[in-house]
């Protein structure tokens, strides 16, 4: 199970259930269980897709690229 949540800076993130702490790219370290869970998924690919959707919803139509597309 993967949990999707936001950092205080607004960035959407995901973590595997059971992980205690997570560090955002902004530098903040927080306890996952203290975050408001926005969604749960069974598959990591679904978690990644949901994070992309939340990021685009908040910040606009950002283009995400993967290493295989470069």
PDB file of N, CA and C in Angstrom:
ATOM      1  N   UNK A   1       0.858  -1.174   0.000  1.00  0.00           N
ATOM      2  CA  UNK A   1       0.000   0.000   0.000  1.00  0.00           C
ATOM      3  C   UNK A   1       0.900   1.232   0.000  1.00  0.00           C
ATOM      4  N   UNK A   2       0.568   2.216  -0.817  1.00  0.00           N
ATOM      5  CA  UNK A   2       1.299   3.477  -0.906  1.00  0.00           C
ATOM      6  C   UNK A   2       0.383   4.618  -0.479  1.00  0.00           C
ATOM      7  N   UNK A   3       0.933   5.542   0.291  1.00  0.00           N
ATOM      8  CA  UNK A   3       0.186   6.686   0.796  1.00  0.00           C
ATOM      9  C   UNK A   3       0.618   7.938   0.049  1.00  0.00           C
ATOM     10  N   UNK A   4      -0.329   8.765  -0.342  1.00  0.00           N
ATOM     11  CA  UNK A   4      -0.043  10.018  -1.039  1.00  0.00           C
ATOM     12  C   UNK A   4      -0.443  11.153  -0.110  1.00  0.00           C
ATOM     13  N   UNK A   5       0.457  12.132   0.028  1.00  0.00           N
ATOM     14  CA  UNK A   5       0.249  13.248   0.952  1.00  0.00           C
ATOM     15  C   UNK A   5       1.039  14.448   0.457  1.00  0.00           C
ATOM     16  N   UNK A   6       0.904  15.578   1.138  1.00  0.00           N
ATOM     17  CA  UNK A   6       1.640  16.787   0.781  1.00  0.00           C
ATOM     18  C   UNK A   6       2.574  17.197   1.908  1.00  0.00           C
ATOM     19  N   UNK A   7       3.692  17.803   1.520  1.00  0.00           N
ATOM     20  CA  UNK A   7       4.610  18.432   2.469  1.00  0.00           C
ATOM     21  C   UNK A   7       4.028  19.811   2.801  1.00  0.00           C
ATOM     22  N   UNK A   8       4.558  20.450   3.815  1.00  0.00           N
ATOM     23  CA  UNK A   8       4.127  21.809   4.149  1.00  0.00           C
ATOM     24  C   UNK A   8       4.415  22.797   3.019  1.00  0.00           C
ATOM     25  N   UNK A   9       5.424  22.509   2.188  1.00  0.00           N
ATOM     26  CA  UNK A   9       5.760  23.392   1.069  1.00  0.00           C
ATOM     27  C   UNK A   9       4.766  23.246  -0.076  1.00  0.00           C
ATOM     28  N   UNK A  10       3.918  22.219  -0.043  1.00  0.00           N
ATOM     29  CA  UNK A  10       2.910  22.023  -1.074  1.00  0.00           C
ATOM     30  C   UNK A  10       3.194  20.882  -2.023  1.00  0.00           C
ATOM     31  N   UNK A  11       4.395  20.347  -1.997  1.00  0.00           N
ATOM     32  CA  UNK A  11       4.763  19.270  -2.907  1.00  0.00           C
ATOM     33  C   UNK A  11       4.019  17.989  -2.545  1.00  0.00           C
ATOM     34  N   UNK A  12       3.449  17.350  -3.554  1.00  0.00           N
ATOM     35  CA  UNK A  12       2.802  16.054  -3.364  1.00  0.00           C
ATOM     36  C   UNK A  12       3.886  14.984  -3.333  1.00  0.00           C
ATOM     37  N   UNK A  13       3.710  14.016  -2.456  1.00  0.00           N
ATOM     38  CA  UNK A  13       4.697  12.950  -2.283  1.00  0.00           C
ATOM     39  C   UNK A  13       3.975  11.636  -2.033  1.00  0.00           C
ATOM     40  N   UNK A  14       4.711  10.543  -2.182  1.00  0.00           N
ATOM     41  CA  UNK A  14       4.163   9.244  -1.810  1.00  0.00           C
ATOM     42  C   UNK A  14       5.186   8.482  -0.999  1.00  0.00           C
ATOM     43  N   UNK A  15       4.697   7.524  -0.237  1.00  0.00           N
ATOM     44  CA  UNK A  15       5.556   6.707   0.600  1.00  0.00           C
ATOM     45  C   UNK A  15       4.898   5.358   0.788  1.00  0.00           C
ATOM     46  N   UNK A  16       5.717   4.350   0.923  1.00  0.00           N
ATOM     47  CA  UNK A  16       5.179   3.025   1.204  1.00  0.00           C
ATOM     48  C   UNK A  16       4.630   3.017   2.630  1.00  0.00           C
ATOM     49  N   UNK A  17       3.514   2.350   2.813  1.00  0.00           N
ATOM     50  CA  UNK A  17       2.911   2.268   4.135  1.00  0.00           C
ATOM     51  C   UNK A  17       3.891   1.606   5.105  1.00  0.00           C
ATOM     52  N   UNK A  18       4.013   2.157   6.298  1.00  0.00           N
ATOM     53  CA  UNK A  18       4.927   1.629   7.286  1.00  0.00           C
ATOM     54  C   UNK A  18       6.204   2.440   7.421  1.00  0.00           C
ATOM     55  N   UNK A  19       6.488   3.311   6.436  1.00  0.00           N
ATOM     56  CA  UNK A  19       7.651   4.184   6.529  1.00  0.00           C
ATOM     57  C   UNK A  19       7.372   5.215   7.616  1.00  0.00           C
ATOM     58  N   UNK A  20       8.345   5.450   8.485  1.00  0.00           N
ATOM     59  CA  UNK A  20       8.132   6.344   9.610  1.00  0.00           C
ATOM     60  C   UNK A  20       8.388   7.800   9.244  1.00  0.00           C
ATOM     61  N   UNK A  21       9.529   8.078   8.594  1.00  0.00           N
ATOM     62  CA  UNK A  21       9.878   9.454   8.246  1.00  0.00           C
ATOM     63  C   UNK A  21      10.118   9.582   6.754  1.00  0.00           C
ATOM     64  N   UNK A  22       9.878  10.780   6.247  1.00  0.00           N
ATOM     65  CA  UNK A  22      10.099  11.084   4.841  1.00  0.00           C
ATOM     66  C   UNK A  22      10.733  12.460   4.757  1.00  0.00           C
ATOM     67  N   UNK A  23      11.648  12.647   3.806  1.00  0.00           N
ATOM     68  CA  UNK A  23      12.282  13.943   3.613  1.00  0.00           C
ATOM     69  C   UNK A  23      11.867  14.493   2.258  1.00  0.00           C
ATOM     70  N   UNK A  24      11.389  15.722   2.267  1.00  0.00           N
ATOM     71  CA  UNK A  24      10.975  16.404   1.043  1.00  0.00           C
ATOM     72  C   UNK A  24      12.202  17.039   0.390  1.00  0.00           C
ATOM     73  N   UNK A  25      12.088  17.372  -0.880  1.00  0.00           N
ATOM     74  CA  UNK A  25      13.186  18.052  -1.568  1.00  0.00           C
ATOM     75  C   UNK A  25      13.422  19.451  -1.008  1.00  0.00           C
ATOM     76  N   UNK A  26      12.447  20.000  -0.289  1.00  0.00           N
ATOM     77  CA  UNK A  26      12.620  21.316   0.331  1.00  0.00           C
ATOM     78  C   UNK A  26      13.500  21.232   1.571  1.00  0.00           C
ATOM     79  N   UNK A  27      13.762  20.004   2.053  1.00  0.00           N
ATOM     80  CA  UNK A  27      14.617  19.798   3.206  1.00  0.00           C
ATOM     81  C   UNK A  27      13.892  19.428   4.485  1.00  0.00           C
ATOM     82  N   UNK A  28      12.585  19.573   4.506  1.00  0.00           N
ATOM     83  CA  UNK A  28      11.824  19.254   5.713  1.00  0.00           C
ATOM     84  C   UNK A  28      11.704  17.746   5.889  1.00  0.00           C
ATOM     85  N   UNK A  29      11.930  17.299   7.116  1.00  0.00           N
ATOM     86  CA  UNK A  29      11.754  15.900   7.486  1.00  0.00           C
ATOM     87  C   UNK A  29      10.540  15.829   8.405  1.00  0.00           C
ATOM     88  N   UNK A  30       9.630  14.912   8.109  1.00  0.00           N
ATOM     89  CA  UNK A  30       8.418  14.809   8.919  1.00  0.00           C
ATOM     90  C   UNK A  30       7.997  13.362   9.064  1.00  0.00           C
ATOM     91  N   UNK A  31       7.127  13.120  10.021  1.00  0.00           N
ATOM     92  CA  UNK A  31       6.588  11.785  10.251  1.00  0.00           C
ATOM     93  C   UNK A  31       5.382  11.574   9.331  1.00  0.00           C
ATOM     94  N   UNK A  32       5.421  10.500   8.589  1.00  0.00           N
ATOM     95  CA  UNK A  32       4.376  10.216   7.606  1.00  0.00           C
ATOM     96  C   UNK A  32       3.020  10.069   8.276  1.00  0.00           C
ATOM     97  N   UNK A  33       2.954   9.397   9.420  1.00  0.00           N
ATOM     98  CA  UNK A  33       1.650   9.152  10.035  1.00  0.00           C
ATOM     99  C   UNK A  33       0.997  10.428  10.566  1.00  0.00           C
ATOM    100  N   UNK A  34       1.750  11.530  10.659  1.00  0.00           N
ATOM    101  CA  UNK A  34       1.165  12.786  11.105  1.00  0.00           C
ATOM    102  C   UNK A  34       0.605  13.611   9.948  1.00  0.00           C
ATOM    103  N   UNK A  35       0.821  13.167   8.706  1.00  0.00           N
ATOM    104  CA  UNK A  35       0.340  13.886   7.531  1.00  0.00           C
ATOM    105  C   UNK A  35      -1.102  13.490   7.216  1.00  0.00           C
ATOM    106  N   UNK A  36      -1.814  14.379   6.565  1.00  0.00           N
ATOM    107  CA  UNK A  36      -3.159  14.052   6.089  1.00  0.00           C
ATOM    108  C   UNK A  36      -3.010  13.258   4.798  1.00  0.00           C
ATOM    109  N   UNK A  37      -3.518  12.055   4.781  1.00  0.00           N
ATOM    110  CA  UNK A  37      -3.396  11.166   3.626  1.00  0.00           C
ATOM    111  C   UNK A  37      -4.453  11.568   2.599  1.00  0.00           C
ATOM    112  N   UNK A  38      -3.981  11.910   1.383  1.00  0.00           N
ATOM    113  CA  UNK A  38      -4.887  12.336   0.315  1.00  0.00           C
ATOM    114  C   UNK A  38      -5.430  11.156  -0.482  1.00  0.00           C
ATOM    115  N   UNK A  39      -4.623  10.101  -0.595  1.00  0.00           N
ATOM    116  CA  UNK A  39      -5.043   8.924  -1.354  1.00  0.00           C
ATOM    117  C   UNK A  39      -4.198   7.736  -0.936  1.00  0.00           C
ATOM    118  N   UNK A  40      -4.695   6.547  -1.259  1.00  0.00           N
ATOM    119  CA  UNK A  40      -3.963   5.297  -1.042  1.00  0.00           C
ATOM    120  C   UNK A  40      -4.057   4.488  -2.320  1.00  0.00           C
ATOM    121  N   UNK A  41      -2.951   3.836  -2.682  1.00  0.00           N
ATOM    122  CA  UNK A  41      -2.947   2.972  -3.860  1.00  0.00           C
ATOM    123  C   UNK A  41      -2.218   1.677  -3.527  1.00  0.00           C
ATOM    124  N   UNK A  42      -2.501   0.657  -4.289  1.00  0.00           N
ATOM    125  CA  UNK A  42      -1.840  -0.637  -4.119  1.00  0.00           C
ATOM    126  C   UNK A  42      -0.563  -0.723  -4.943  1.00  0.00           C
ATOM    127  N   UNK A  43      -0.491   0.024  -6.029  1.00  0.00           N
ATOM    128  CA  UNK A  43       0.598  -0.087  -6.992  1.00  0.00           C
ATOM    129  C   UNK A  43       1.441   1.179  -7.000  1.00  0.00           C
ATOM    130  N   UNK A  44       2.753   1.040  -7.089  1.00  0.00           N
ATOM    131  CA  UNK A  44       3.644   2.193  -7.095  1.00  0.00           C
ATOM    132  C   UNK A  44       3.408   3.066  -8.332  1.00  0.00           C
ATOM    133  N   UNK A  45       3.090   2.465  -9.464  1.00  0.00           N
ATOM    134  CA  UNK A  45       2.833   3.255 -10.672  1.00  0.00           C
ATOM    135  C   UNK A  45       1.595   4.137 -10.515  1.00  0.00           C
ATOM    136  N   UNK A  46       0.583   3.633  -9.836  1.00  0.00           N
ATOM    137  CA  UNK A  46      -0.606   4.431  -9.566  1.00  0.00           C
ATOM    138  C   UNK A  46      -0.281   5.574  -8.601  1.00  0.00           C
ATOM    139  N   UNK A  47       0.599   5.323  -7.635  1.00  0.00           N
ATOM    140  CA  UNK A  47       1.019   6.355  -6.688  1.00  0.00           C
ATOM    141  C   UNK A  47       1.768   7.464  -7.426  1.00  0.00           C
ATOM    142  N   UNK A  48       2.663   7.085  -8.319  1.00  0.00           N
ATOM    143  CA  UNK A  48       3.416   8.074  -9.105  1.00  0.00           C
ATOM    144  C   UNK A  48       2.465   8.908  -9.944  1.00  0.00           C
ATOM    145  N   UNK A  49       1.503   8.274 -10.590  1.00  0.00           N
ATOM    146  CA  UNK A  49       0.540   8.987 -11.425  1.00  0.00           C
ATOM    147  C   UNK A  49      -0.289   9.962 -10.595  1.00  0.00           C
ATOM    148  N   UNK A  50      -0.718   9.555  -9.422  1.00  0.00           N
ATOM    149  CA  UNK A  50      -1.516  10.425  -8.550  1.00  0.00           C
ATOM    150  C   UNK A  50      -0.700  11.630  -8.097  1.00  0.00           C
ATOM    151  N   UNK A  51       0.574  11.430  -7.769  1.00  0.00           N
ATOM    152  CA  UNK A  51       1.441  12.542  -7.376  1.00  0.00           C
ATOM    153  C   UNK A  51       1.576  13.522  -8.536  1.00  0.00           C
ATOM    154  N   UNK A  52       1.763  13.017  -9.748  1.00  0.00           N
ATOM    155  CA  UNK A  52       1.850  13.886 -10.929  1.00  0.00           C
ATOM    156  C   UNK A  52       0.572  14.707 -11.097  1.00  0.00           C
ATOM    157  N   UNK A  53      -0.572  14.064 -10.939  1.00  0.00           N
ATOM    158  CA  UNK A  53      -1.855  14.755 -11.073  1.00  0.00           C
ATOM    159  C   UNK A  53      -2.001  15.857 -10.022  1.00  0.00           C
ATOM    160  N   UNK A  54      -1.627  15.563  -8.781  1.00  0.00           N
ATOM    161  CA  UNK A  54      -1.726  16.558  -7.710  1.00  0.00           C
ATOM    162  C   UNK A  54      -0.775  17.726  -7.948  1.00  0.00           C
ATOM    163  N   UNK A  55       0.431  17.440  -8.428  1.00  0.00           N
ATOM    164  CA  UNK A  55       1.395  18.502  -8.716  1.00  0.00           C
ATOM    165  C   UNK A  55       0.878  19.403  -9.840  1.00  0.00           C
ATOM    166  N   UNK A  56       0.347  18.800 -10.903  1.00  0.00           N
ATOM    167  CA  UNK A  56      -0.180  19.578 -12.025  1.00  0.00           C
ATOM    168  C   UNK A  56      -1.410  20.382 -11.606  1.00  0.00           C
ATOM    169  N   UNK A  57      -2.226  19.811 -10.731  1.00  0.00           N
ATOM    170  CA  UNK A  57      -3.408  20.507 -10.231  1.00  0.00           C
ATOM    171  C   UNK A  57      -3.011  21.762  -9.459  1.00  0.00           C
ATOM    172  N   UNK A  58      -1.980  21.671  -8.649  1.00  0.00           N
ATOM    173  CA  UNK A  58      -1.551  22.785  -7.807  1.00  0.00           C
ATOM    174  C   UNK A  58      -0.714  23.811  -8.570  1.00  0.00           C
ATOM    175  N   UNK A  59       0.204  23.329  -9.417  1.00  0.00           N
ATOM    176  CA  UNK A  59       1.171  24.217 -10.056  1.00  0.00           C
ATOM    177  C   UNK A  59       0.960  24.422 -11.550  1.00  0.00           C
ATOM    178  N   UNK A  60      -0.076  23.820 -12.095  1.00  0.00           N
ATOM    179  CA  UNK A  60      -0.323  23.991 -13.517  1.00  0.00           C
ATOM    180  C   UNK A  60       0.190  22.798 -14.305  1.00  0.00           C
ATOM    181  N   UNK A  61       0.118  22.901 -15.594  1.00  0.00           N
ATOM    182  CA  UNK A  61       0.466  21.800 -16.500  1.00  0.00           C
ATOM    183  C   UNK A  61       1.949  21.588 -16.663  1.00  0.00           C
ATOM    184  N   UNK A  62       2.624  21.223 -15.615  1.00  0.00           N
ATOM    185  CA  UNK A  62       4.053  20.939 -15.696  1.00  0.00           C
ATOM    186  C   UNK A  62       4.281  19.692 -16.538  1.00  0.00           C
ATOM    187  N   UNK A  63       5.406  19.652 -17.202  1.00  0.00           N
ATOM    188  CA  UNK A  63       5.749  18.497 -18.020  1.00  0.00           C
ATOM    189  C   UNK A  63       6.718  17.633 -17.235  1.00  0.00           C
ATOM    190  N   UNK A  64       6.336  16.391 -17.011  1.00  0.00           N
ATOM    191  CA  UNK A  64       7.191  15.442 -16.311  1.00  0.00           C
ATOM    192  C   UNK A  64       7.845  14.562 -17.360  1.00  0.00           C
ATOM    193  N   UNK A  65       9.135  14.397 -17.273  1.00  0.00           N
ATOM    194  CA  UNK A  65       9.830  13.503 -18.198  1.00  0.00           C
ATOM    195  C   UNK A  65      10.462  12.364 -17.412  1.00  0.00           C
ATOM    196  N   UNK A  66      10.661  11.284 -18.094  1.00  0.00           N
ATOM    197  CA  UNK A  66      11.330  10.143 -17.474  1.00  0.00           C
ATOM    198  C   UNK A  66      12.619   9.891 -18.233  1.00  0.00           C
ATOM    199  N   UNK A  67      13.497   9.125 -17.649  1.00  0.00           N
ATOM    200  CA  UNK A  67      14.806   8.875 -18.241  1.00  0.00           C
ATOM    201  C   UNK A  67      14.690   8.199 -19.600  1.00  0.00           C
ATOM    202  N   UNK A  68      13.681   7.370 -19.814  1.00  0.00           N
ATOM    203  CA  UNK A  68      13.555   6.680 -21.094  1.00  0.00           C
ATOM    204  C   UNK A  68      13.088   7.602 -22.219  1.00  0.00           C
ATOM    205  N   UNK A  69      12.630   8.801 -21.906  1.00  0.00           N
ATOM    206  CA  UNK A  69      12.171   9.755 -22.917  1.00  0.00           C
ATOM    207  C   UNK A  69      13.234  10.791 -23.280  1.00  0.00           C
ATOM    208  N   UNK A  70      14.340  10.777 -22.563  1.00  0.00           N
ATOM    209  CA  UNK A  70      15.395  11.767 -22.802  1.00  0.00           C
ATOM    210  C   UNK A  70      16.281  11.335 -23.927  1.00  0.00           C
TER     211      UNK A  70
END
